Protein backbone atom coordinates (compact mmCIF):
# COMPACT_ATOMS: atom_id res chain seq x y z
CA UNK A 1 -116.81 86.94 -86.20
CA UNK A 2 -119.23 89.66 -86.07
CA UNK A 3 -119.56 92.55 -88.32
CA UNK A 4 -120.91 95.58 -88.74
CA UNK A 5 -122.03 95.83 -92.27
CA UNK A 6 -121.50 99.32 -94.01
CA UNK A 7 -123.39 98.64 -97.31
CA UNK A 8 -125.67 96.21 -97.99
CA UNK A 9 -124.79 92.87 -98.55
CA UNK A 10 -127.63 90.16 -100.34
CA UNK A 11 -130.01 89.86 -97.66
CA UNK A 12 -128.76 91.90 -95.06
CA UNK A 13 -129.11 95.58 -94.30
CA UNK A 14 -126.76 98.39 -93.59
CA UNK A 15 -125.88 99.25 -90.45
CA UNK A 16 -127.07 95.49 -88.92
CA UNK A 17 -124.39 92.85 -87.20
CA UNK A 18 -124.64 89.53 -88.21
CA UNK A 19 -122.04 86.49 -87.53
CA UNK A 20 -119.82 84.70 -90.02
CA UNK A 21 -117.28 82.82 -90.41
CA UNK A 22 -113.33 84.28 -89.92
CA UNK A 23 -112.05 83.81 -93.39
CA UNK A 24 -115.16 84.90 -95.10
CA UNK A 25 -115.53 88.27 -93.17
CA UNK A 26 -111.86 88.88 -93.15
CA UNK A 27 -111.29 88.00 -96.52
CA UNK A 28 -114.35 89.05 -98.23
CA UNK A 29 -116.80 91.40 -96.50
CA UNK A 30 -113.78 93.84 -94.79
CA UNK A 31 -111.78 93.69 -97.42
CA UNK A 32 -114.37 94.79 -100.10
CA UNK A 33 -115.43 97.38 -98.01
CA UNK A 34 -119.11 95.55 -97.21
CA UNK A 35 -117.85 95.52 -93.22
CA UNK A 36 -115.74 96.44 -90.27
CA UNK A 37 -115.09 94.50 -87.44
CA UNK A 38 -117.14 94.57 -83.66
CA UNK A 39 -115.03 96.55 -81.06
CA UNK A 40 -115.52 99.47 -79.04
CA UNK A 41 -114.76 102.33 -81.42
CA UNK A 42 -117.24 100.64 -84.34
CA UNK A 43 -120.15 99.99 -81.62
CA UNK A 44 -119.75 103.85 -80.81
CA UNK A 45 -119.76 104.73 -84.44
CA UNK A 46 -123.58 102.59 -85.05
CA UNK A 47 -124.89 103.90 -82.24
CA UNK A 48 -123.91 107.70 -83.55
CA UNK A 49 -125.55 106.66 -87.10
CA UNK A 50 -128.57 105.19 -85.91
CA UNK A 51 -129.36 108.36 -83.79
CA UNK A 52 -128.38 110.32 -86.95
CA UNK A 53 -130.61 108.14 -88.98
CA UNK A 54 -133.34 108.57 -86.37
CA UNK A 55 -133.33 112.19 -86.00
CA UNK A 56 -133.46 112.02 -89.70
CA UNK A 57 -136.60 110.53 -90.00
CA UNK A 58 -138.51 112.61 -86.97
CA UNK A 59 -137.79 115.67 -89.36
CA UNK A 60 -139.22 114.17 -92.74
CA UNK A 61 -142.23 112.82 -91.03
CA UNK A 62 -142.46 116.65 -89.26
CA UNK A 63 -142.09 117.90 -93.15
CA UNK A 64 -144.26 115.28 -94.20
CA UNK A 65 -147.49 116.26 -91.78
CA UNK A 66 -146.82 120.22 -92.69
CA UNK A 67 -147.57 119.39 -96.48
CA UNK A 68 -150.27 116.78 -95.40
CA UNK A 69 -152.18 120.02 -93.61
CA UNK A 70 -151.52 121.91 -96.31
CA UNK A 71 -152.87 119.56 -98.89
CA UNK A 72 -155.62 118.56 -96.99
CA UNK A 73 -157.02 121.98 -96.50
CA UNK A 74 -157.26 122.36 -100.41
CA UNK A 75 -159.95 121.57 -102.80
CA UNK A 76 -158.83 121.15 -106.48
CA UNK A 77 -161.01 121.97 -109.27
CA UNK A 78 -160.98 120.76 -112.80
CA UNK A 79 -163.36 121.02 -115.83
CA UNK A 80 -164.20 118.20 -117.99
CA UNK A 81 -166.12 118.74 -121.18
CA UNK A 82 -169.36 116.28 -121.53
CA UNK A 83 -171.56 115.60 -124.50
CA UNK A 84 -175.08 114.12 -122.38
CA UNK A 85 -173.66 111.32 -120.31
CA UNK A 86 -170.81 111.14 -121.84
CA UNK A 87 -167.67 112.48 -120.33
CA UNK A 88 -164.85 113.14 -122.39
CA UNK A 89 -161.53 113.27 -121.01
CA UNK A 90 -160.03 112.29 -117.84
CA UNK A 91 -157.97 113.81 -114.85
CA UNK A 92 -154.60 112.36 -114.17
CA UNK A 93 -152.01 112.18 -111.67
CA UNK A 94 -149.83 114.47 -113.72
CA UNK A 95 -152.36 116.97 -114.05
CA UNK A 96 -153.12 117.00 -109.83
CA UNK A 97 -149.22 117.11 -109.35
CA UNK A 98 -149.37 120.34 -112.01
CA UNK A 99 -152.25 121.95 -110.01
CA UNK A 100 -150.74 121.28 -106.76
CA UNK A 101 -147.53 123.32 -108.23
CA UNK A 102 -149.49 126.13 -108.32
CA UNK A 103 -150.00 126.47 -104.42
CA UNK A 104 -145.96 125.63 -104.03
CA UNK A 105 -146.27 122.33 -103.13
CA UNK A 106 -144.05 119.77 -104.61
CA UNK A 107 -144.82 116.29 -104.38
CA UNK A 108 -142.14 113.19 -104.49
CA UNK A 109 -141.98 110.78 -106.90
CA UNK A 110 -144.64 108.55 -107.17
CA UNK A 111 -146.58 110.19 -104.03
CA UNK A 112 -150.10 109.86 -106.56
CA UNK A 113 -150.78 106.50 -107.86
CA UNK A 114 -151.83 106.15 -111.48
CA UNK A 115 -155.45 106.44 -110.88
CA UNK A 116 -157.46 108.09 -113.25
CA UNK A 117 -160.82 110.30 -112.67
CA UNK A 118 -163.31 110.70 -115.41
CA UNK A 119 -166.43 111.21 -113.39
CA UNK A 120 -167.97 114.21 -112.35
CA UNK A 121 -168.53 114.83 -108.40
CA UNK A 122 -166.24 115.43 -105.68
CA UNK A 123 -163.37 112.85 -105.41
CA UNK A 124 -160.80 111.71 -102.18
CA UNK A 125 -156.87 110.71 -104.08
CA UNK A 126 -154.64 110.06 -101.45
CA UNK A 127 -151.38 111.07 -101.78
CA UNK A 128 -148.25 109.08 -100.15
CA UNK A 129 -146.02 111.92 -98.79
CA UNK A 130 -143.77 109.44 -96.90
CA UNK A 131 -144.05 105.87 -95.81
CA UNK A 132 -145.74 106.58 -92.53
CA UNK A 133 -148.05 109.69 -94.00
CA UNK A 134 -150.58 109.36 -96.59
CA UNK A 135 -152.71 112.73 -97.18
CA UNK A 136 -156.33 113.06 -98.79
CA UNK A 137 -156.69 115.77 -101.79
CA UNK A 138 -160.33 116.55 -102.12
CA UNK A 139 -160.56 117.29 -106.09
CA UNK A 140 -164.15 118.60 -108.09
CA UNK A 141 -165.00 117.65 -110.88
CA UNK A 142 -167.13 119.95 -112.85
CA UNK A 143 -168.90 119.98 -116.34
CA UNK A 144 -167.92 122.38 -118.97
CA UNK A 145 -169.79 123.20 -121.90
């Protein structure tokens, strides 16, 4: 029996068509709401769902690319205190995200790595806006006395 999964089940993903034993399909997967039997109507529904998912993915990528362009135009400047060659403090991902909020750029959770910047100069910060879109932000760290 072929079924279309409507929920993730073990190693199988949603909207996947799998072949299972008749009893398992009817008595477990369909009964517990994990799957639907394959027929003309469910195949049409599956195609509509896949088209909608593709549209949403394209929209998300387009929005992420717009944010990427805005981020890559910026050069954020941070100040750290130093005593000779010893730097006091560091710039964390939270400080970078807080600074980006001033430019109306809200980053998704876990977009920035937990990397810490504690040397003077210009650094490239990689920001993962979407699994397919990566932006590079330039930050400049200068010394204050």
